[in-house]
Amino acid sequence: MKTILNIVWLVLSGFWLALGYVVAGIICCILIITIPFGIASFRIAGYALWPFGRTTVERRDAGAGSMIGNVIWIIFAGWWLALGHIVTGIALCVTIIGIPFGIANFKMIPISLMPLGRDIVPTDQPFATR
C-alpha cells in the first residue's frame, strides 16, 4: 500500500516539491557557510519525493546550533518551501482522492520550516534513533 501511495504522490506533487528542495539545496551549497542547509535540503528532497512509510523524529544530540540554523533557514528558504506545501495541500484537498495527499503535505510543513535537528526514519521504527 505504501508503494501505491508513493507512486500517486510522486505524480501529483512529490516530483515538484522534491525539485524545490533540490533547487534550495543547490543554492545553499553554492556558498560554503550554508552547506549544512544544502545537505538538509537534499535529505528532505528524498523524503518529499517518497514520504509514505517514513516519518521524522527529533535528534537528541541537536543543540543550540540547530535552533539558530533553523531560524536562518526559515528566513531564507523555509517559508518558501512551506508555502509550496500549503498551496499544494490546498489544491490536493479540493478533490476527494487528493485529501490524504493534502494532509500529508500539511504534515510536511514543520520539517520544511525547521529541518535541522531532525532525522527521517522508517515508520516501523520511529523511535530507533532516540
C-alpha atoms as a PDB file:
ATOM      1  CA  MET A   1       0.000   0.000   0.000  1.00  0.00           C
ATOM      2  CA  LYS A   2       2.887   2.372   0.780  1.00  0.00           C
ATOM      3  CA  THR A   3       4.256   1.870  -2.706  1.00  0.00           C
ATOM      4  CA  ILE A   4       0.940   2.724  -4.360  1.00  0.00           C
ATOM      5  CA  LEU A   5       0.559   5.835  -2.216  1.00  0.00           C
ATOM      6  CA  ASN A   6       4.129   6.897  -3.010  1.00  0.00           C
ATOM      7  CA  ILE A   7       3.600   6.464  -6.756  1.00  0.00           C
ATOM      8  CA  VAL A   8       0.405   8.545  -6.715  1.00  0.00           C
ATOM      9  CA  TRP A   9       2.165  11.110  -4.505  1.00  0.00           C
ATOM     10  CA  LEU A  10       5.085  11.268  -6.927  1.00  0.00           C
ATOM     11  CA  VAL A  11       2.762  12.002  -9.845  1.00  0.00           C
ATOM     12  CA  LEU A  12       0.544  14.540  -8.051  1.00  0.00           C
ATOM     13  CA  SER A  13       3.032  16.601  -6.075  1.00  0.00           C
ATOM     14  CA  GLY A  14       6.152  14.755  -4.990  1.00  0.00           C
ATOM     15  CA  PHE A  15       8.272  15.490  -8.032  1.00  0.00           C
ATOM     16  CA  TRP A  16       7.693  19.250  -7.909  1.00  0.00           C
ATOM     17  CA  LEU A  17       8.170  19.520  -4.161  1.00  0.00           C
ATOM     18  CA  ALA A  18      11.384  17.488  -4.315  1.00  0.00           C
ATOM     19  CA  LEU A  19      12.569  19.689  -7.171  1.00  0.00           C
ATOM     20  CA  GLY A  20      12.007  22.747  -4.967  1.00  0.00           C
ATOM     21  CA  TYR A  21      14.110  21.211  -2.210  1.00  0.00           C
ATOM     22  CA  VAL A  22      16.867  20.296  -4.677  1.00  0.00           C
ATOM     23  CA  VAL A  23      16.953  23.859  -6.022  1.00  0.00           C
ATOM     24  CA  ALA A  24      17.151  25.198  -2.454  1.00  0.00           C
ATOM     25  CA  GLY A  25      19.932  22.696  -1.707  1.00  0.00           C
ATOM     26  CA  ILE A  26      21.946  23.712  -4.753  1.00  0.00           C
ATOM     27  CA  ILE A  27      21.609  27.383  -3.864  1.00  0.00           C
ATOM     28  CA  CYS A  28      22.685  26.656  -0.290  1.00  0.00           C
ATOM     29  CA  CYS A  29      25.677  24.586  -1.419  1.00  0.00           C
ATOM     30  CA  ILE A  30      26.975  27.379  -3.621  1.00  0.00           C
ATOM     31  CA  LEU A  31      28.050  29.267  -0.515  1.00  0.00           C
ATOM     32  CA  ILE A  32      30.447  27.485   1.822  1.00  0.00           C
ATOM     33  CA  ILE A  33      28.767  28.651   5.015  1.00  0.00           C
ATOM     34  CA  THR A  34      25.340  27.263   4.079  1.00  0.00           C
ATOM     35  CA  ILE A  35      26.411  23.743   3.077  1.00  0.00           C
ATOM     36  CA  PRO A  36      24.688  22.166   6.147  1.00  0.00           C
ATOM     37  CA  PHE A  37      21.441  23.729   4.934  1.00  0.00           C
ATOM     38  CA  GLY A  38      22.020  22.276   1.477  1.00  0.00           C
ATOM     39  CA  ILE A  39      22.607  18.814   2.897  1.00  0.00           C
ATOM     40  CA  ALA A  40      19.426  19.065   4.970  1.00  0.00           C
ATOM     41  CA  SER A  41      17.543  20.225   1.888  1.00  0.00           C
ATOM     42  CA  PHE A  42      18.752  17.252  -0.169  1.00  0.00           C
ATOM     43  CA  ARG A  43      17.763  14.906   2.669  1.00  0.00           C
ATOM     44  CA  ILE A  44      14.262  16.371   2.777  1.00  0.00           C
ATOM     45  CA  ALA A  45      14.037  16.235  -1.037  1.00  0.00           C
ATOM     46  CA  GLY A  46      14.214  12.452  -0.797  1.00  0.00           C
ATOM     47  CA  TYR A  47      11.533  12.499   1.868  1.00  0.00           C
ATOM     48  CA  ALA A  48       9.316  14.810  -0.212  1.00  0.00           C
ATOM     49  CA  LEU A  49       9.768  12.524  -3.213  1.00  0.00           C
ATOM     50  CA  TRP A  50       8.813   9.287  -1.399  1.00  0.00           C
ATOM     51  CA  PRO A  51       7.213  10.117   2.012  1.00  0.00           C
ATOM     52  CA  PHE A  52       4.850   7.258   2.779  1.00  0.00           C
ATOM     53  CA  GLY A  53       6.415   4.639   5.027  1.00  0.00           C
ATOM     54  CA  ARG A  54       8.772   7.170   6.614  1.00  0.00           C
ATOM     55  CA  THR A  55       8.494   9.776   9.340  1.00  0.00           C
ATOM     56  CA  THR A  56      10.650  12.371  11.068  1.00  0.00           C
ATOM     57  CA  VAL A  57      11.937  12.300  14.624  1.00  0.00           C
ATOM     58  CA  GLU A  58      13.858  14.834  16.659  1.00  0.00           C
ATOM     59  CA  ARG A  59      17.529  14.136  17.265  1.00  0.00           C
ATOM     60  CA  ARG A  60      18.641  14.188  20.882  1.00  0.00           C
ATOM     61  CA  ASP A  61      22.099  15.495  20.022  1.00  0.00           C
ATOM     62  CA  ALA A  62      20.745  18.599  18.254  1.00  0.00           C
ATOM     63  CA  GLY A  63      21.651  21.667  20.222  1.00  0.00           C
ATOM     64  CA  ALA A  64      21.569  25.430  20.014  1.00  0.00           C
ATOM     65  CA  GLY A  65      23.344  25.386  16.659  1.00  0.00           C
ATOM     66  CA  SER A  66      20.409  23.565  15.104  1.00  0.00           C
ATOM     67  CA  MET A  67      17.987  26.100  16.540  1.00  0.00           C
ATOM     68  CA  ILE A  68      19.998  29.049  15.223  1.00  0.00           C
ATOM     69  CA  GLY A  69      20.345  27.302  11.873  1.00  0.00           C
ATOM     70  CA  ASN A  70      16.602  26.699  11.725  1.00  0.00           C
ATOM     71  CA  VAL A  71      15.919  30.400  12.282  1.00  0.00           C
ATOM     72  CA  ILE A  72      18.276  31.276   9.414  1.00  0.00           C
ATOM     73  CA  TRP A  73      16.670  28.550   7.287  1.00  0.00           C
ATOM     74  CA  ILE A  74      13.149  29.903   7.916  1.00  0.00           C
ATOM     75  CA  ILE A  75      14.194  33.376   6.806  1.00  0.00           C
ATOM     76  CA  PHE A  76      15.930  32.371   3.565  1.00  0.00           C
ATOM     77  CA  ALA A  77      14.300  29.152   2.298  1.00  0.00           C
ATOM     78  CA  GLY A  78      11.884  27.590   4.771  1.00  0.00           C
ATOM     79  CA  TRP A  79       8.919  29.848   4.291  1.00  0.00           C
ATOM     80  CA  TRP A  80       9.087  29.448   0.501  1.00  0.00           C
ATOM     81  CA  LEU A  81       9.055  25.675   0.806  1.00  0.00           C
ATOM     82  CA  ALA A  82       6.305  25.770   3.440  1.00  0.00           C
ATOM     83  CA  LEU A  83       4.265  27.981   1.129  1.00  0.00           C
ATOM     84  CA  GLY A  84       4.712  25.358  -1.602  1.00  0.00           C
ATOM     85  CA  HIS A  85       3.364  22.681   0.766  1.00  0.00           C
ATOM     86  CA  ILE A  86       0.397  24.872   1.717  1.00  0.00           C
ATOM     87  CA  VAL A  87      -0.548  25.658  -1.886  1.00  0.00           C
ATOM     88  CA  THR A  88      -0.120  22.049  -2.989  1.00  0.00           C
ATOM     89  CA  GLY A  89      -2.025  20.767   0.047  1.00  0.00           C
ATOM     90  CA  ILE A  90      -4.970  23.064  -0.599  1.00  0.00           C
ATOM     91  CA  ALA A  91      -5.025  22.111  -4.290  1.00  0.00           C
ATOM     92  CA  LEU A  92      -4.985  18.413  -3.414  1.00  0.00           C
ATOM     93  CA  CYS A  93      -7.720  18.765  -0.796  1.00  0.00           C
ATOM     94  CA  VAL A  94     -10.124  20.060  -3.450  1.00  0.00           C
ATOM     95  CA  THR A  95     -10.668  16.501  -4.689  1.00  0.00           C
ATOM     96  CA  ILE A  96     -11.794  13.611  -2.521  1.00  0.00           C
ATOM     97  CA  ILE A  97      -8.968  11.355  -3.706  1.00  0.00           C
ATOM     98  CA  GLY A  98      -6.398  14.083  -3.025  1.00  0.00           C
ATOM     99  CA  ILE A  99      -7.397  14.708   0.611  1.00  0.00           C
ATOM    100  CA  PRO A 100      -4.911  12.188   2.115  1.00  0.00           C
ATOM    101  CA  PHE A 101      -2.146  13.682  -0.011  1.00  0.00           C
ATOM    102  CA  GLY A 102      -3.139  17.207   1.001  1.00  0.00           C
ATOM    103  CA  ILE A 103      -2.982  16.196   4.652  1.00  0.00           C
ATOM    104  CA  ALA A 104       0.444  14.649   4.023  1.00  0.00           C
ATOM    105  CA  ASN A 105       1.538  17.986   2.560  1.00  0.00           C
ATOM    106  CA  PHE A 106       0.341  19.823   5.657  1.00  0.00           C
ATOM    107  CA  LYS A 107       2.254  17.352   7.848  1.00  0.00           C
ATOM    108  CA  MET A 108       5.467  18.186   5.966  1.00  0.00           C
ATOM    109  CA  ILE A 109       5.253  21.907   6.749  1.00  0.00           C
ATOM    110  CA  PRO A 110       7.096  21.678  10.115  1.00  0.00           C
ATOM    111  CA  ILE A 111      10.075  19.878   8.592  1.00  0.00           C
ATOM    112  CA  SER A 112      10.168  22.344   5.707  1.00  0.00           C
ATOM    113  CA  LEU A 113      10.401  25.163   8.243  1.00  0.00           C
ATOM    114  CA  MET A 114      12.859  23.530  10.673  1.00  0.00           C
ATOM    115  CA  PRO A 115      14.866  20.740   9.010  1.00  0.00           C
ATOM    116  CA  LEU A 116      17.956  20.823  11.227  1.00  0.00           C
ATOM    117  CA  GLY A 117      17.904  18.552  14.258  1.00  0.00           C
ATOM    118  CA  ARG A 118      15.535  16.005  12.702  1.00  0.00           C
ATOM    119  CA  ASP A 119      16.087  12.557  11.201  1.00  0.00           C
ATOM    120  CA  ILE A 120      13.965  10.706   8.661  1.00  0.00           C
ATOM    121  CA  VAL A 121      13.316   7.101   9.691  1.00  0.00           C
ATOM    122  CA  PRO A 122      11.033   4.271   8.518  1.00  0.00           C
ATOM    123  CA  THR A 123       7.619   4.292  10.193  1.00  0.00           C
ATOM    124  CA  ASP A 124       8.131   0.819  11.619  1.00  0.00           C
ATOM    125  CA  GLN A 125      10.993   2.156  13.774  1.00  0.00           C
ATOM    126  CA  PRO A 126      10.217   5.815  14.625  1.00  0.00           C
ATOM    127  CA  PHE A 127      11.925   5.600  17.996  1.00  0.00           C
ATOM    128  CA  ALA A 128      15.066   3.823  16.771  1.00  0.00           C
ATOM    129  CA  THR A 129      17.202   6.978  16.813  1.00  0.00           C
ATOM    130  CA  ARG A 130      16.085   8.229  20.209  1.00  0.00           C
END
